[in-house]
């Protein structure tokens, strides 16, 4: 990536020029302040099917697509590698239940 900006926008895998990316990030920030979590309407206003914010070392990234479906807002740390795609946290797995101590047994005394 030859970008010198700390704000990057990629549309279908192609990075946009820095000045264009900064303009899009400005609009994105204003939109998200006004309509928290509404990624789909921002994507639509930009002419995309989806947009997902994320982060890479030293840069903030908006990953947009003209064809990929929009997913709910998620964890930005997932950018760039998991099966769910950028900016989406995988569903939480339920925790295993701890075995319960029988209620008839007295608790051990502490020294």
C-alpha atoms as a PDB file:
ATOM      1  CA  UNK A   1       0.000   0.000   0.000  1.00  0.00           C
ATOM      2  CA  UNK A   2       1.512   3.294  -1.059  1.00  0.00           C
ATOM      3  CA  UNK A   3      -0.858   5.458   0.955  1.00  0.00           C
ATOM      4  CA  UNK A   4       0.645   7.982   3.352  1.00  0.00           C
ATOM      5  CA  UNK A   5      -2.679   8.679   5.057  1.00  0.00           C
ATOM      6  CA  UNK A   6      -3.795   6.982   8.258  1.00  0.00           C
ATOM      7  CA  UNK A   7      -7.306   6.799   6.767  1.00  0.00           C
ATOM      8  CA  UNK A   8      -7.787   4.263   3.984  1.00  0.00           C
ATOM      9  CA  UNK A   9     -10.828   3.341   1.916  1.00  0.00           C
ATOM     10  CA  UNK A  10     -10.850   0.205  -0.227  1.00  0.00           C
ATOM     11  CA  UNK A  11     -13.655  -0.463  -2.684  1.00  0.00           C
ATOM     12  CA  UNK A  12     -13.735  -4.062  -3.887  1.00  0.00           C
ATOM     13  CA  UNK A  13     -10.103  -4.427  -2.848  1.00  0.00           C
ATOM     14  CA  UNK A  14      -8.852  -1.296  -4.618  1.00  0.00           C
ATOM     15  CA  UNK A  15      -7.493   1.504  -2.389  1.00  0.00           C
ATOM     16  CA  UNK A  16      -8.810   4.963  -3.213  1.00  0.00           C
ATOM     17  CA  UNK A  17      -6.520   8.014  -3.436  1.00  0.00           C
ATOM     18  CA  UNK A  18      -5.746   9.639  -0.071  1.00  0.00           C
ATOM     19  CA  UNK A  19      -7.764  12.824  -0.693  1.00  0.00           C
ATOM     20  CA  UNK A  20     -10.839  10.840  -1.713  1.00  0.00           C
ATOM     21  CA  UNK A  21     -10.431   8.482   1.261  1.00  0.00           C
ATOM     22  CA  UNK A  22     -10.222  11.397   3.706  1.00  0.00           C
ATOM     23  CA  UNK A  23     -13.404  12.932   2.228  1.00  0.00           C
ATOM     24  CA  UNK A  24     -15.237   9.604   2.567  1.00  0.00           C
ATOM     25  CA  UNK A  25     -13.999   9.136   6.151  1.00  0.00           C
ATOM     26  CA  UNK A  26     -15.261  12.638   7.002  1.00  0.00           C
ATOM     27  CA  UNK A  27     -18.724  11.835   5.606  1.00  0.00           C
ATOM     28  CA  UNK A  28     -18.656   8.423   7.316  1.00  0.00           C
ATOM     29  CA  UNK A  29     -17.831   9.968  10.710  1.00  0.00           C
ATOM     30  CA  UNK A  30     -20.586  12.568  10.384  1.00  0.00           C
ATOM     31  CA  UNK A  31     -23.083   9.911   9.301  1.00  0.00           C
ATOM     32  CA  UNK A  32     -22.200   7.580  12.177  1.00  0.00           C
ATOM     33  CA  UNK A  33     -22.471  10.431  14.695  1.00  0.00           C
ATOM     34  CA  UNK A  34     -25.969  11.177  13.405  1.00  0.00           C
ATOM     35  CA  UNK A  35     -27.151   7.575  12.906  1.00  0.00           C
ATOM     36  CA  UNK A  36     -25.107   5.276  15.145  1.00  0.00           C
ATOM     37  CA  UNK A  37     -24.389   1.883  13.645  1.00  0.00           C
ATOM     38  CA  UNK A  38     -26.300   2.487  10.398  1.00  0.00           C
ATOM     39  CA  UNK A  39     -23.681   1.251   7.962  1.00  0.00           C
ATOM     40  CA  UNK A  40     -26.209   0.221   5.317  1.00  0.00           C
ATOM     41  CA  UNK A  41     -27.592   3.710   4.690  1.00  0.00           C
ATOM     42  CA  UNK A  42     -24.084   5.168   4.469  1.00  0.00           C
ATOM     43  CA  UNK A  43     -23.096   2.480   1.947  1.00  0.00           C
ATOM     44  CA  UNK A  44     -26.219   3.248  -0.074  1.00  0.00           C
ATOM     45  CA  UNK A  45     -25.502   7.002  -0.172  1.00  0.00           C
ATOM     46  CA  UNK A  46     -22.008   6.227  -1.489  1.00  0.00           C
ATOM     47  CA  UNK A  47     -23.351   3.835  -4.147  1.00  0.00           C
ATOM     48  CA  UNK A  48     -22.091   0.654  -2.473  1.00  0.00           C
ATOM     49  CA  UNK A  49     -23.804  -2.517  -1.270  1.00  0.00           C
ATOM     50  CA  UNK A  50     -21.828  -2.599   1.970  1.00  0.00           C
ATOM     51  CA  UNK A  51     -19.201  -0.851   4.040  1.00  0.00           C
ATOM     52  CA  UNK A  52     -17.334  -2.089   7.104  1.00  0.00           C
ATOM     53  CA  UNK A  53     -14.906  -0.081   9.246  1.00  0.00           C
ATOM     54  CA  UNK A  54     -11.770  -1.745  10.494  1.00  0.00           C
ATOM     55  CA  UNK A  55      -8.178  -1.211  11.480  1.00  0.00           C
ATOM     56  CA  UNK A  56      -4.764  -2.342  10.389  1.00  0.00           C
ATOM     57  CA  UNK A  57      -1.483  -1.441  12.056  1.00  0.00           C
ATOM     58  CA  UNK A  58      -1.292   2.341  11.937  1.00  0.00           C
ATOM     59  CA  UNK A  59      -4.370   2.932   9.759  1.00  0.00           C
ATOM     60  CA  UNK A  60      -8.149   3.011   9.926  1.00  0.00           C
ATOM     61  CA  UNK A  61      -9.785   1.257   6.978  1.00  0.00           C
ATOM     62  CA  UNK A  62     -13.230   1.398   5.435  1.00  0.00           C
ATOM     63  CA  UNK A  63     -13.789  -1.726   3.355  1.00  0.00           C
ATOM     64  CA  UNK A  64     -16.556  -1.128   0.831  1.00  0.00           C
ATOM     65  CA  UNK A  65     -18.079  -3.380  -1.795  1.00  0.00           C
ATOM     66  CA  UNK A  66     -20.434  -2.916  -4.692  1.00  0.00           C
ATOM     67  CA  UNK A  67     -21.614  -6.541  -4.398  1.00  0.00           C
ATOM     68  CA  UNK A  68     -20.980  -7.985  -0.901  1.00  0.00           C
ATOM     69  CA  UNK A  69     -23.967  -7.831   1.462  1.00  0.00           C
ATOM     70  CA  UNK A  70     -24.027  -5.514   4.447  1.00  0.00           C
ATOM     71  CA  UNK A  71     -23.487  -7.113   7.843  1.00  0.00           C
ATOM     72  CA  UNK A  72     -24.135  -5.616  11.278  1.00  0.00           C
ATOM     73  CA  UNK A  73     -21.551  -3.388  12.872  1.00  0.00           C
ATOM     74  CA  UNK A  74     -18.913  -5.515  14.610  1.00  0.00           C
ATOM     75  CA  UNK A  75     -15.436  -5.635  16.024  1.00  0.00           C
ATOM     76  CA  UNK A  76     -12.920  -3.781  13.855  1.00  0.00           C
ATOM     77  CA  UNK A  77     -10.062  -6.011  15.023  1.00  0.00           C
ATOM     78  CA  UNK A  78     -11.252  -8.843  12.778  1.00  0.00           C
ATOM     79  CA  UNK A  79     -10.136  -7.031   9.626  1.00  0.00           C
ATOM     80  CA  UNK A  80      -8.388  -9.008   7.007  1.00  0.00           C
ATOM     81  CA  UNK A  81      -8.597 -12.696   7.596  1.00  0.00           C
ATOM     82  CA  UNK A  82     -11.513 -14.426   9.202  1.00  0.00           C
ATOM     83  CA  UNK A  83     -14.315 -16.148   7.343  1.00  0.00           C
ATOM     84  CA  UNK A  84     -16.849 -13.543   8.448  1.00  0.00           C
ATOM     85  CA  UNK A  85     -14.935 -10.799   6.682  1.00  0.00           C
ATOM     86  CA  UNK A  86     -13.698  -7.412   7.808  1.00  0.00           C
ATOM     87  CA  UNK A  87     -15.015  -5.702  10.860  1.00  0.00           C
ATOM     88  CA  UNK A  88     -17.329  -8.470  12.012  1.00  0.00           C
ATOM     89  CA  UNK A  89     -17.005 -10.278  15.307  1.00  0.00           C
ATOM     90  CA  UNK A  90     -17.835 -13.975  15.181  1.00  0.00           C
ATOM     91  CA  UNK A  91     -20.830 -15.002  17.304  1.00  0.00           C
ATOM     92  CA  UNK A  92     -20.017 -15.623  20.945  1.00  0.00           C
ATOM     93  CA  UNK A  93     -19.848 -19.239  22.003  1.00  0.00           C
ATOM     94  CA  UNK A  94     -21.786 -20.147  25.147  1.00  0.00           C
ATOM     95  CA  UNK A  95     -19.648 -20.813  28.176  1.00  0.00           C
ATOM     96  CA  UNK A  96     -19.601 -24.294  29.625  1.00  0.00           C
ATOM     97  CA  UNK A  97     -21.536 -24.525  32.860  1.00  0.00           C
ATOM     98  CA  UNK A  98     -19.440 -24.996  35.990  1.00  0.00           C
ATOM     99  CA  UNK A  99     -20.292 -28.080  37.983  1.00  0.00           C
ATOM    100  CA  UNK A 100     -22.458 -27.185  40.934  1.00  0.00           C
ATOM    101  CA  UNK A 101     -21.420 -28.147  44.433  1.00  0.00           C
ATOM    102  CA  UNK A 102     -24.025 -30.245  46.226  1.00  0.00           C
ATOM    103  CA  UNK A 103     -26.026 -28.032  48.558  1.00  0.00           C
ATOM    104  CA  UNK A 104     -25.982 -30.609  51.343  1.00  0.00           C
ATOM    105  CA  UNK A 105     -22.189 -30.673  51.594  1.00  0.00           C
ATOM    106  CA  UNK A 106     -20.723 -28.131  54.013  1.00  0.00           C
ATOM    107  CA  UNK A 107     -18.239 -25.643  52.627  1.00  0.00           C
ATOM    108  CA  UNK A 108     -14.657 -26.281  53.645  1.00  0.00           C
ATOM    109  CA  UNK A 109     -13.322 -23.852  56.232  1.00  0.00           C
ATOM    110  CA  UNK A 110     -10.540 -21.527  55.262  1.00  0.00           C
ATOM    111  CA  UNK A 111      -7.422 -21.350  57.423  1.00  0.00           C
END
